[in-house]
Amino acid sequence: MKFPSVSFWVYLLVLLLGVFKRRDSIEMDINGIIGETKRSVNFPTKSAIYVWGYNQSGQTGREGKDGHLRIPKQLPPELFGCPAGANARWLDIACGREHTAAVASDGSLFTWGANEFGQLGDGTEEGRKYPKKVKQLETEFVKSVSCGAHCTAAIAEPRQNDGTILSRLWVWGQNQGSNYPRLFCGAFSPNTIIRQVSCGAVHVVALSEDGLLQAWGYNEYGQLGRGFTCEGLQGARVINAYAKFLDETPELVKITQVSCGEYHTAAISEKGEV
């Protein structure tokens, strides 16, 4: 049997390399096109909120019904002041211990459920079994929301904005100083851009665009990241050192994402470290 010459194999290798190179070139061209036209992509214009589970305080939005939901059920648009069949889209949703908050695509924030600590942001301490827009934030475009056990925090920008005021933090409810949403800077300067906020059971952590974290609330389990535990409500303070391992000296780390559990906190650094 006669095998192909060396020159044939060289020619075949060059041909295959050319095919792979051409395929990579095509993929790059497609990616470039997608990147250039991403503003014109048709995103979904309609979405829905589904709720289920414990409903003692009406946190599942079932007005006049105390029964618990065992399967997910859609909340009708009429509950949010939208006509039946209207195109409603939702940007974010969060659950507290017994209250719920949702951000509509027009930047409106709705809350419902328990309210004994003012966590619904309506200035009262009366619970509500149906969604209602938070009037104090009607002049703001809410971008995201987080619920603690009995408090709520949201990131928003003014609707009438000349571009000088960016994402700011609003807080209310238990240990947040008000039953209405109030601007909160804490340990950050007033012009700090807030990237994310996360609420635990009795503590809150906010992340700045610069990758800094500040935390406030209770610290009986060390959830504020200060290197010690203590009793009583603690004021806001920047977490300025992180240890990769317990036996290493803490160092400065830039954070890109944070999440609070009931009594603990976790974060991801810009290097992908947890």
Protein backbone atom coordinates (compact mmCIF):
# COMPACT_ATOMS: atom_id res chain seq x y z
CA MET A 1 0.00 0.00 0.00
CA LYS A 2 1.38 3.38 -1.03
CA PHE A 3 1.17 6.12 1.60
CA PRO A 4 0.78 9.81 0.63
CA SER A 5 3.96 11.83 0.41
CA VAL A 6 5.16 14.19 3.12
CA SER A 7 4.22 17.14 0.91
CA PHE A 8 0.60 15.91 0.83
CA TRP A 9 0.37 15.88 4.64
CA VAL A 10 1.92 19.33 4.83
CA TYR A 11 -0.63 20.59 2.29
CA LEU A 12 -3.50 18.98 4.27
CA LEU A 13 -2.28 20.55 7.54
CA VAL A 14 -2.11 23.99 5.95
CA LEU A 15 -5.60 23.53 4.52
CA LEU A 16 -7.05 22.53 7.90
CA LEU A 17 -5.36 25.44 9.63
CA GLY A 18 -6.86 27.72 7.05
CA VAL A 19 -10.36 26.33 7.73
CA PHE A 20 -10.03 26.78 11.50
CA LYS A 21 -8.63 30.27 11.06
CA ARG A 22 -11.49 31.17 8.74
CA ARG A 23 -14.03 29.79 11.25
CA ASP A 24 -12.49 31.84 14.05
CA SER A 25 -12.61 34.87 11.78
CA ILE A 26 -16.30 34.27 11.07
CA GLU A 27 -17.05 33.90 14.82
CA MET A 28 -15.22 37.13 15.55
CA ASP A 29 -17.17 38.89 12.80
CA ILE A 30 -20.47 37.62 14.27
CA ASN A 31 -19.47 38.73 17.74
CA GLY A 32 -18.58 42.11 16.33
CA ILE A 33 -21.95 42.42 14.65
CA ILE A 34 -23.79 41.42 17.81
CA GLY A 35 -21.78 43.94 19.76
CA GLU A 36 -22.60 46.71 17.32
CA THR A 37 -26.31 45.96 17.20
CA LYS A 38 -26.98 45.01 20.80
CA ARG A 39 -29.08 48.15 21.35
CA SER A 40 -31.55 47.04 18.70
CA VAL A 41 -32.04 43.51 20.09
CA ASN A 42 -35.66 42.85 21.02
CA PHE A 43 -35.73 42.14 24.74
CA PRO A 44 -38.87 40.66 26.33
CA THR A 45 -41.50 43.35 26.85
CA LYS A 46 -43.67 41.32 29.18
CA SER A 47 -42.94 39.32 32.30
CA ALA A 48 -44.81 38.19 35.38
CA ILE A 49 -44.36 37.76 39.12
CA TYR A 50 -44.98 34.32 40.62
CA VAL A 51 -45.27 33.79 44.38
CA TRP A 52 -45.74 30.77 46.64
CA GLY A 53 -45.24 29.59 50.22
CA TYR A 54 -46.01 31.08 53.63
CA ASN A 55 -48.66 33.80 53.54
CA GLN A 56 -49.46 34.70 57.14
CA SER A 57 -48.82 38.40 56.47
CA GLY A 58 -49.98 38.50 52.87
CA GLN A 59 -46.46 38.41 51.43
CA THR A 60 -47.68 36.32 48.51
CA GLY A 61 -50.03 39.11 47.45
CA ARG A 62 -53.28 37.21 48.04
CA GLU A 63 -55.58 39.93 49.28
CA GLY A 64 -58.11 38.64 51.79
CA LYS A 65 -56.73 35.10 51.73
CA ASP A 66 -54.54 33.62 54.45
CA GLY A 67 -54.00 30.20 52.88
CA HIS A 68 -50.43 29.24 52.01
CA LEU A 69 -49.55 28.67 48.38
CA ARG A 70 -48.07 25.26 47.63
CA ILE A 71 -47.41 25.90 43.94
CA PRO A 72 -46.22 29.10 42.19
CA LYS A 73 -49.09 31.41 41.23
CA GLN A 74 -48.93 34.50 39.03
CA LEU A 75 -49.95 37.84 40.50
CA PRO A 76 -52.45 39.53 38.17
CA PRO A 77 -51.38 42.86 36.60
CA GLU A 78 -54.47 44.52 38.12
CA LEU A 79 -52.84 44.30 41.55
CA PHE A 80 -50.19 46.74 40.33
CA GLY A 81 -52.62 49.14 38.67
CA CYS A 82 -52.05 47.68 35.20
CA PRO A 83 -54.97 46.76 32.92
CA ALA A 84 -55.45 43.06 32.30
CA GLY A 85 -53.23 41.89 29.46
CA ALA A 86 -51.00 44.98 29.64
CA ASN A 87 -47.30 44.61 28.89
CA ALA A 88 -45.75 44.64 32.37
CA ARG A 89 -42.05 43.91 32.82
CA TRP A 90 -40.18 43.47 36.10
CA LEU A 91 -36.54 44.26 36.77
CA ASP A 92 -35.97 42.93 40.28
CA ILE A 93 -37.70 41.25 43.21
CA ALA A 94 -36.75 40.51 46.83
CA CYS A 95 -38.28 38.71 49.80
CA GLY A 96 -37.91 39.53 53.46
CA ARG A 97 -39.07 37.38 56.33
CA GLU A 98 -42.72 38.32 55.74
CA HIS A 99 -42.70 41.09 53.13
CA THR A 100 -41.96 41.37 49.43
CA ALA A 101 -40.68 44.13 47.14
CA ALA A 102 -40.58 44.31 43.34
CA VAL A 103 -39.14 46.81 40.84
CA ALA A 104 -41.13 47.51 37.65
CA SER A 105 -39.48 48.38 34.34
CA ASP A 106 -40.47 52.03 34.71
CA GLY A 107 -38.43 52.26 37.92
CA SER A 108 -41.39 52.07 40.30
CA LEU A 109 -41.06 50.10 43.54
CA PHE A 110 -43.96 48.06 44.95
CA THR A 111 -44.06 46.52 48.44
CA TRP A 112 -46.51 44.30 50.32
CA GLY A 113 -46.76 42.00 53.34
CA ALA A 114 -45.78 42.56 56.98
CA ASN A 115 -45.02 46.10 58.13
CA GLU A 116 -44.58 46.10 61.90
CA PHE A 117 -41.19 47.82 61.54
CA GLY A 118 -42.10 50.08 58.62
CA GLN A 119 -40.41 47.83 56.07
CA LEU A 120 -43.01 48.62 53.39
CA GLY A 121 -41.83 52.24 53.28
CA ASP A 122 -45.27 53.87 53.47
CA GLY A 123 -44.68 55.63 56.80
CA THR A 124 -46.99 53.33 58.73
CA GLU A 125 -46.65 50.07 60.63
CA GLU A 126 -49.77 48.49 59.18
CA GLY A 127 -49.39 45.35 57.07
CA ARG A 128 -50.84 45.14 53.59
CA LYS A 129 -51.89 42.07 51.59
CA TYR A 130 -51.65 43.73 48.19
CA PRO A 131 -48.84 45.52 46.30
CA LYS A 132 -48.65 49.28 46.53
CA LYS A 133 -46.23 51.73 44.96
CA VAL A 134 -43.77 53.39 47.35
CA LYS A 135 -44.74 57.05 46.92
CA GLN A 136 -41.60 58.42 48.56
CA LEU A 137 -39.58 57.00 45.67
CA GLU A 138 -41.79 58.16 42.80
CA THR A 139 -39.23 60.83 41.88
CA GLU A 140 -36.54 58.13 41.73
CA PHE A 141 -35.85 55.44 39.14
CA VAL A 142 -35.33 52.36 41.28
CA LYS A 143 -32.80 49.91 39.83
CA SER A 144 -32.65 47.14 42.43
CA VAL A 145 -34.04 46.18 45.84
CA SER A 146 -33.09 43.93 48.76
CA CYS A 147 -35.17 42.87 51.77
CA GLY A 148 -33.92 42.00 55.23
CA ALA A 149 -36.01 40.33 57.91
CA HIS A 150 -37.78 43.60 58.73
CA CYS A 151 -36.05 46.23 56.60
CA THR A 152 -35.69 47.17 52.93
CA ALA A 153 -32.96 48.83 50.88
CA ALA A 154 -33.00 50.05 47.29
CA ILE A 155 -30.61 51.58 44.77
CA ALA A 156 -32.05 54.39 42.68
CA GLU A 157 -31.27 57.47 40.60
CA PRO A 158 -33.30 60.70 40.35
CA ARG A 159 -35.68 60.75 37.39
CA GLN A 160 -34.83 64.41 36.80
CA ASN A 161 -31.08 64.08 36.56
CA ASP A 162 -28.45 66.18 34.81
CA GLY A 163 -26.03 63.28 34.95
CA THR A 164 -24.23 64.41 38.08
CA ILE A 165 -26.19 62.20 40.50
CA LEU A 166 -25.76 58.47 40.01
CA SER A 167 -26.91 55.38 41.91
CA ARG A 168 -27.70 56.17 45.53
CA LEU A 169 -28.80 54.06 48.48
CA TRP A 170 -32.18 54.33 50.19
CA VAL A 171 -32.99 52.41 53.38
CA TRP A 172 -36.01 52.01 55.67
CA GLY A 173 -37.55 49.71 58.25
CA GLN A 174 -36.04 48.09 61.32
CA ASN A 175 -32.87 49.85 62.55
CA GLN A 176 -32.75 52.07 59.44
CA GLY A 177 -33.96 55.24 61.16
CA SER A 178 -37.24 55.73 59.30
CA ASN A 179 -40.48 54.12 58.14
CA TYR A 180 -40.06 56.08 54.91
CA PRO A 181 -37.18 55.57 52.46
CA ARG A 182 -34.27 57.83 53.36
CA LEU A 183 -30.97 58.48 51.64
CA PHE A 184 -28.10 56.75 53.40
CA CYS A 185 -24.38 57.38 52.93
CA GLY A 186 -23.06 55.81 56.10
CA ALA A 187 -19.28 55.49 55.91
CA PHE A 188 -19.22 56.44 52.21
CA SER A 189 -18.95 59.98 50.92
CA PRO A 190 -22.23 61.50 49.63
CA ASN A 191 -21.18 61.24 45.96
CA THR A 192 -20.24 57.53 46.16
CA ILE A 193 -21.85 55.41 43.44
CA ILE A 194 -23.60 52.40 44.96
CA ARG A 195 -23.34 49.24 42.91
CA GLN A 196 -25.17 46.71 45.08
CA VAL A 197 -26.89 46.32 48.44
CA SER A 198 -27.77 43.15 50.34
CA CYS A 199 -29.75 42.74 53.56
CA GLY A 200 -29.35 39.99 56.13
CA ALA A 201 -31.69 39.35 59.02
CA VAL A 202 -30.41 42.26 61.10
CA HIS A 203 -27.51 43.67 59.08
CA VAL A 204 -27.00 45.41 55.74
CA VAL A 205 -23.97 45.54 53.42
CA ALA A 206 -23.53 48.03 50.57
CA LEU A 207 -20.99 47.80 47.74
CA SER A 208 -19.57 50.88 46.02
CA GLU A 209 -18.55 51.14 42.37
CA ASP A 210 -14.95 51.35 43.60
CA GLY A 211 -15.20 47.88 45.15
CA LEU A 212 -15.51 48.92 48.79
CA LEU A 213 -17.95 47.39 51.26
CA GLN A 214 -19.57 49.04 54.23
CA ALA A 215 -21.69 47.18 56.76
CA TRP A 216 -23.98 48.12 59.62
CA GLY A 217 -26.52 46.53 61.96
CA TYR A 218 -25.97 43.74 64.47
CA ASN A 219 -22.70 41.84 64.79
CA GLU A 220 -23.28 39.07 67.30
CA TYR A 221 -21.88 36.50 64.88
CA GLY A 222 -19.25 38.66 63.21
CA GLN A 223 -21.41 39.29 60.12
CA LEU A 224 -20.12 42.87 59.80
CA GLY A 225 -16.58 41.63 59.06
CA ARG A 226 -14.83 43.67 61.76
CA GLY A 227 -12.76 40.88 63.24
CA PHE A 228 -14.78 40.61 66.44
CA THR A 229 -18.31 40.01 67.70
CA CYS A 230 -20.33 42.42 69.78
CA GLU A 231 -23.84 43.10 71.04
CA GLY A 232 -26.07 46.00 70.09
CA LEU A 233 -26.68 47.99 66.92
CA GLN A 234 -23.45 49.01 65.17
CA GLY A 235 -23.01 52.02 62.91
CA ALA A 236 -21.76 51.83 59.34
CA ARG A 237 -18.06 51.13 58.79
CA VAL A 238 -16.01 50.24 55.73
CA ILE A 239 -14.61 46.71 55.66
CA ASN A 240 -11.00 47.53 54.84
CA ALA A 241 -9.16 44.22 55.15
CA TYR A 242 -9.71 40.64 53.98
CA ALA A 243 -7.75 37.50 54.86
CA LYS A 244 -7.44 34.69 52.31
CA PHE A 245 -6.85 32.29 55.18
CA LEU A 246 -7.29 32.67 58.91
CA ASP A 247 -3.54 32.60 59.59
CA GLU A 248 -2.70 35.31 57.02
CA THR A 249 -2.46 39.04 57.52
CA PRO A 250 -5.57 40.78 56.12
CA GLU A 251 -5.06 42.84 52.97
CA LEU A 252 -7.04 45.28 50.86
CA VAL A 253 -9.25 43.59 48.24
CA LYS A 254 -11.57 45.02 45.58
CA ILE A 255 -15.05 43.47 45.76
CA THR A 256 -17.41 43.00 42.80
CA GLN A 257 -20.38 41.22 44.40
CA VAL A 258 -21.83 40.70 47.88
CA SER A 259 -24.64 38.68 49.42
CA CYS A 260 -25.97 38.49 52.96
CA GLY A 261 -27.40 35.43 54.63
CA GLU A 262 -29.44 35.68 57.79
CA TYR A 263 -26.40 36.08 60.03
CA HIS A 264 -23.41 35.87 57.67
CA THR A 265 -22.00 37.60 54.60
CA ALA A 266 -20.14 36.46 51.47
CA ALA A 267 -18.38 38.44 48.75
CA ILE A 268 -16.53 37.90 45.48
CA SER A 269 -13.34 39.80 44.65
CA GLU A 270 -12.33 41.17 41.26
CA LYS A 271 -10.00 38.14 40.96
CA GLY A 272 -12.91 35.76 41.37
CA GLU A 273 -12.03 34.82 44.95
CA VAL A 274 -14.76 34.11 47.47
